[in-house]
C-alpha cells in the first residue's frame, strides 16, 4: 500500500486509529495482494468511512444475514 499524504509513523503510535485508517485504505483503494483479517474487519466495520453499499455488502459476506449484525 502506498500513501504519500499521511504520516504513517505518527499514526502507528495510535494502534486503533492506524488499524481503521489501514482498513479504509485497503477497501477504498485496493488490496494490492493483501488480505483483510476477518476479525479486524468485524471489529471496526462500523467505524470505517466507506461507501454504504460496500458496508452492506461486507456485512452480507461477514454475517451471511444482514439482520444478525
N, C-alpha and C. Protein backbone atom coordinates (compact mmCIF):
# COMPACT_ATOMS: atom_id res chain seq x y z
N UNK A 1 0.86 -1.16 0.00
CA UNK A 1 0.00 0.00 0.00
C UNK A 1 0.91 1.23 0.00
N UNK A 2 0.57 2.17 -0.85
CA UNK A 2 1.34 3.40 -0.98
C UNK A 2 0.48 4.58 -0.57
N UNK A 3 1.00 5.43 0.30
CA UNK A 3 0.26 6.61 0.70
C UNK A 3 1.26 7.72 0.98
N UNK A 4 1.12 8.81 0.24
CA UNK A 4 2.04 9.92 0.40
C UNK A 4 1.45 11.04 1.23
N UNK A 5 0.18 11.02 1.51
CA UNK A 5 -0.46 12.13 2.19
C UNK A 5 -0.64 11.93 3.69
N UNK A 6 -0.21 10.80 4.21
CA UNK A 6 -0.40 10.51 5.63
C UNK A 6 0.93 10.10 6.25
N UNK A 7 1.23 10.66 7.41
CA UNK A 7 2.44 10.28 8.15
C UNK A 7 2.13 9.00 8.92
N UNK A 8 2.43 7.87 8.32
CA UNK A 8 2.07 6.59 8.93
C UNK A 8 2.89 6.30 10.19
N UNK A 9 4.11 6.83 10.29
CA UNK A 9 4.89 6.58 11.50
C UNK A 9 4.24 7.23 12.71
N UNK A 10 3.68 8.42 12.51
CA UNK A 10 2.96 9.10 13.60
C UNK A 10 1.65 8.39 13.89
N UNK A 11 0.96 7.95 12.85
CA UNK A 11 -0.32 7.27 13.01
C UNK A 11 -0.17 5.92 13.72
N UNK A 12 0.95 5.26 13.52
CA UNK A 12 1.17 3.95 14.16
C UNK A 12 1.31 4.05 15.67
N UNK A 13 1.51 5.23 16.19
CA UNK A 13 1.58 5.42 17.64
C UNK A 13 0.21 5.25 18.29
N UNK A 14 -0.84 5.28 17.46
CA UNK A 14 -2.22 5.11 17.92
C UNK A 14 -2.78 3.89 17.19
N UNK A 15 -2.61 2.69 17.77
CA UNK A 15 -2.93 1.44 17.07
C UNK A 15 -4.35 1.34 16.53
N UNK A 16 -5.35 1.77 17.28
CA UNK A 16 -6.72 1.63 16.82
C UNK A 16 -6.99 2.56 15.63
N UNK A 17 -6.53 3.79 15.71
CA UNK A 17 -6.70 4.73 14.60
C UNK A 17 -5.95 4.25 13.36
N UNK A 18 -4.77 3.69 13.57
CA UNK A 18 -3.99 3.18 12.44
C UNK A 18 -4.70 2.01 11.78
N UNK A 19 -5.27 1.13 12.56
CA UNK A 19 -5.98 -0.03 12.01
C UNK A 19 -7.19 0.41 11.20
N UNK A 20 -7.96 1.36 11.72
CA UNK A 20 -9.12 1.87 11.00
C UNK A 20 -8.66 2.54 9.70
N UNK A 21 -7.62 3.35 9.76
CA UNK A 21 -7.11 4.03 8.57
C UNK A 21 -6.65 3.01 7.53
N UNK A 22 -5.92 2.00 7.97
CA UNK A 22 -5.39 1.00 7.05
C UNK A 22 -6.53 0.21 6.38
N UNK A 23 -7.53 -0.18 7.16
CA UNK A 23 -8.68 -0.89 6.59
C UNK A 23 -9.39 -0.03 5.55
N UNK A 24 -9.58 1.25 5.86
CA UNK A 24 -10.22 2.16 4.90
C UNK A 24 -9.41 2.25 3.62
N UNK A 25 -8.10 2.36 3.74
CA UNK A 25 -7.24 2.45 2.57
C UNK A 25 -7.34 1.20 1.72
N UNK A 26 -7.31 0.04 2.37
CA UNK A 26 -7.38 -1.21 1.62
C UNK A 26 -8.72 -1.36 0.91
N UNK A 27 -9.80 -1.00 1.57
CA UNK A 27 -11.12 -1.15 0.98
C UNK A 27 -11.39 -0.11 -0.11
N UNK A 28 -10.94 1.10 0.09
CA UNK A 28 -11.23 2.17 -0.86
C UNK A 28 -10.29 2.22 -2.05
N UNK A 29 -9.04 1.78 -1.87
CA UNK A 29 -8.04 1.96 -2.93
C UNK A 29 -7.44 0.66 -3.44
N UNK A 30 -7.87 -0.48 -2.93
CA UNK A 30 -7.39 -1.75 -3.45
C UNK A 30 -6.53 -2.50 -2.45
N UNK A 31 -6.59 -3.79 -2.54
CA UNK A 31 -5.89 -4.64 -1.59
C UNK A 31 -4.43 -4.87 -1.95
N UNK A 32 -4.06 -4.73 -3.21
CA UNK A 32 -2.68 -4.95 -3.66
C UNK A 32 -2.13 -6.29 -3.19
N UNK A 33 -2.94 -7.32 -3.26
CA UNK A 33 -2.50 -8.66 -2.88
C UNK A 33 -2.60 -8.95 -1.39
N UNK A 34 -2.98 -7.98 -0.59
CA UNK A 34 -3.13 -8.18 0.85
C UNK A 34 -4.50 -8.78 1.16
N UNK A 35 -4.58 -9.43 2.29
CA UNK A 35 -5.87 -9.93 2.77
C UNK A 35 -6.23 -9.16 4.03
N UNK A 36 -7.52 -8.93 4.20
CA UNK A 36 -8.00 -8.23 5.39
C UNK A 36 -8.41 -9.27 6.42
N UNK A 37 -7.84 -9.20 7.63
CA UNK A 37 -8.24 -10.14 8.67
C UNK A 37 -9.72 -9.97 9.02
N UNK A 38 -10.45 -11.06 8.98
CA UNK A 38 -11.89 -11.03 9.23
C UNK A 38 -12.21 -10.47 10.61
N UNK A 39 -11.42 -10.85 11.59
CA UNK A 39 -11.65 -10.40 12.96
C UNK A 39 -11.55 -8.88 13.07
N UNK A 40 -10.54 -8.29 12.42
CA UNK A 40 -10.38 -6.83 12.45
C UNK A 40 -11.52 -6.15 11.71
N UNK A 41 -11.90 -6.70 10.58
CA UNK A 41 -12.98 -6.10 9.79
C UNK A 41 -14.28 -6.09 10.57
N UNK A 42 -14.60 -7.19 11.24
CA UNK A 42 -15.82 -7.25 12.05
C UNK A 42 -15.77 -6.23 13.19
N UNK A 43 -14.60 -6.10 13.81
CA UNK A 43 -14.45 -5.22 14.96
C UNK A 43 -14.62 -3.74 14.58
N UNK A 44 -14.07 -3.35 13.44
CA UNK A 44 -14.04 -1.94 13.08
C UNK A 44 -14.98 -1.55 11.94
N UNK A 45 -15.81 -2.44 11.47
CA UNK A 45 -16.65 -2.17 10.31
C UNK A 45 -17.53 -0.94 10.49
N UNK A 46 -18.09 -0.75 11.66
CA UNK A 46 -18.97 0.39 11.89
C UNK A 46 -18.22 1.72 12.01
N UNK A 47 -16.90 1.67 12.20
CA UNK A 47 -16.10 2.88 12.32
C UNK A 47 -15.51 3.33 10.99
N UNK A 48 -15.56 2.47 9.99
CA UNK A 48 -14.91 2.76 8.72
C UNK A 48 -15.68 3.79 7.90
N UNK A 49 -14.93 4.67 7.27
CA UNK A 49 -15.50 5.66 6.38
C UNK A 49 -15.49 5.09 4.96
N UNK A 50 -16.52 4.29 4.65
CA UNK A 50 -16.62 3.64 3.35
C UNK A 50 -18.01 3.83 2.78
N UNK A 51 -18.16 3.54 1.51
CA UNK A 51 -19.43 3.65 0.81
C UNK A 51 -20.48 2.77 1.51
N UNK A 52 -21.69 3.27 1.71
CA UNK A 52 -22.74 2.48 2.38
C UNK A 52 -23.04 1.15 1.69
N UNK A 53 -22.99 1.13 0.36
CA UNK A 53 -23.23 -0.13 -0.35
C UNK A 53 -22.11 -1.13 -0.11
N UNK A 54 -20.88 -0.64 -0.01
CA UNK A 54 -19.75 -1.51 0.31
C UNK A 54 -19.91 -2.09 1.70
N UNK A 55 -20.32 -1.23 2.65
CA UNK A 55 -20.52 -1.69 4.03
C UNK A 55 -21.60 -2.78 4.09
N UNK A 56 -22.68 -2.55 3.37
CA UNK A 56 -23.78 -3.53 3.34
C UNK A 56 -23.32 -4.86 2.74
N UNK A 57 -22.54 -4.79 1.67
CA UNK A 57 -22.02 -5.99 1.03
C UNK A 57 -21.07 -6.74 1.97
N UNK A 58 -20.21 -6.01 2.65
CA UNK A 58 -19.28 -6.65 3.59
C UNK A 58 -20.04 -7.31 4.74
N UNK A 59 -21.08 -6.66 5.23
CA UNK A 59 -21.89 -7.27 6.29
C UNK A 59 -22.55 -8.55 5.79
N UNK A 60 -23.00 -8.53 4.55
CA UNK A 60 -23.60 -9.73 3.97
C UNK A 60 -22.58 -10.87 3.90
N UNK A 61 -21.35 -10.54 3.50
CA UNK A 61 -20.30 -11.56 3.43
C UNK A 61 -19.88 -12.06 4.81
N UNK A 62 -19.76 -11.13 5.74
CA UNK A 62 -19.27 -11.49 7.08
C UNK A 62 -20.30 -12.23 7.92
N UNK A 63 -21.54 -11.82 7.82
CA UNK A 63 -22.55 -12.35 8.71
C UNK A 63 -23.57 -13.25 8.03
N UNK A 64 -23.55 -13.31 6.70
CA UNK A 64 -24.42 -14.15 5.89
C UNK A 64 -25.89 -13.77 6.00
N UNK A 65 -26.24 -12.96 6.96
CA UNK A 65 -27.60 -12.46 7.09
C UNK A 65 -27.49 -11.07 7.68
N UNK A 66 -27.84 -10.07 6.93
CA UNK A 66 -27.64 -8.69 7.34
C UNK A 66 -28.37 -8.34 8.64
N UNK A 67 -29.45 -9.02 8.93
CA UNK A 67 -30.22 -8.72 10.14
C UNK A 67 -29.53 -9.18 11.41
N UNK A 68 -28.46 -9.98 11.33
CA UNK A 68 -27.83 -10.53 12.53
C UNK A 68 -26.68 -9.71 13.05
N UNK A 69 -26.32 -8.63 12.42
CA UNK A 69 -25.19 -7.83 12.91
C UNK A 69 -25.67 -6.93 13.99
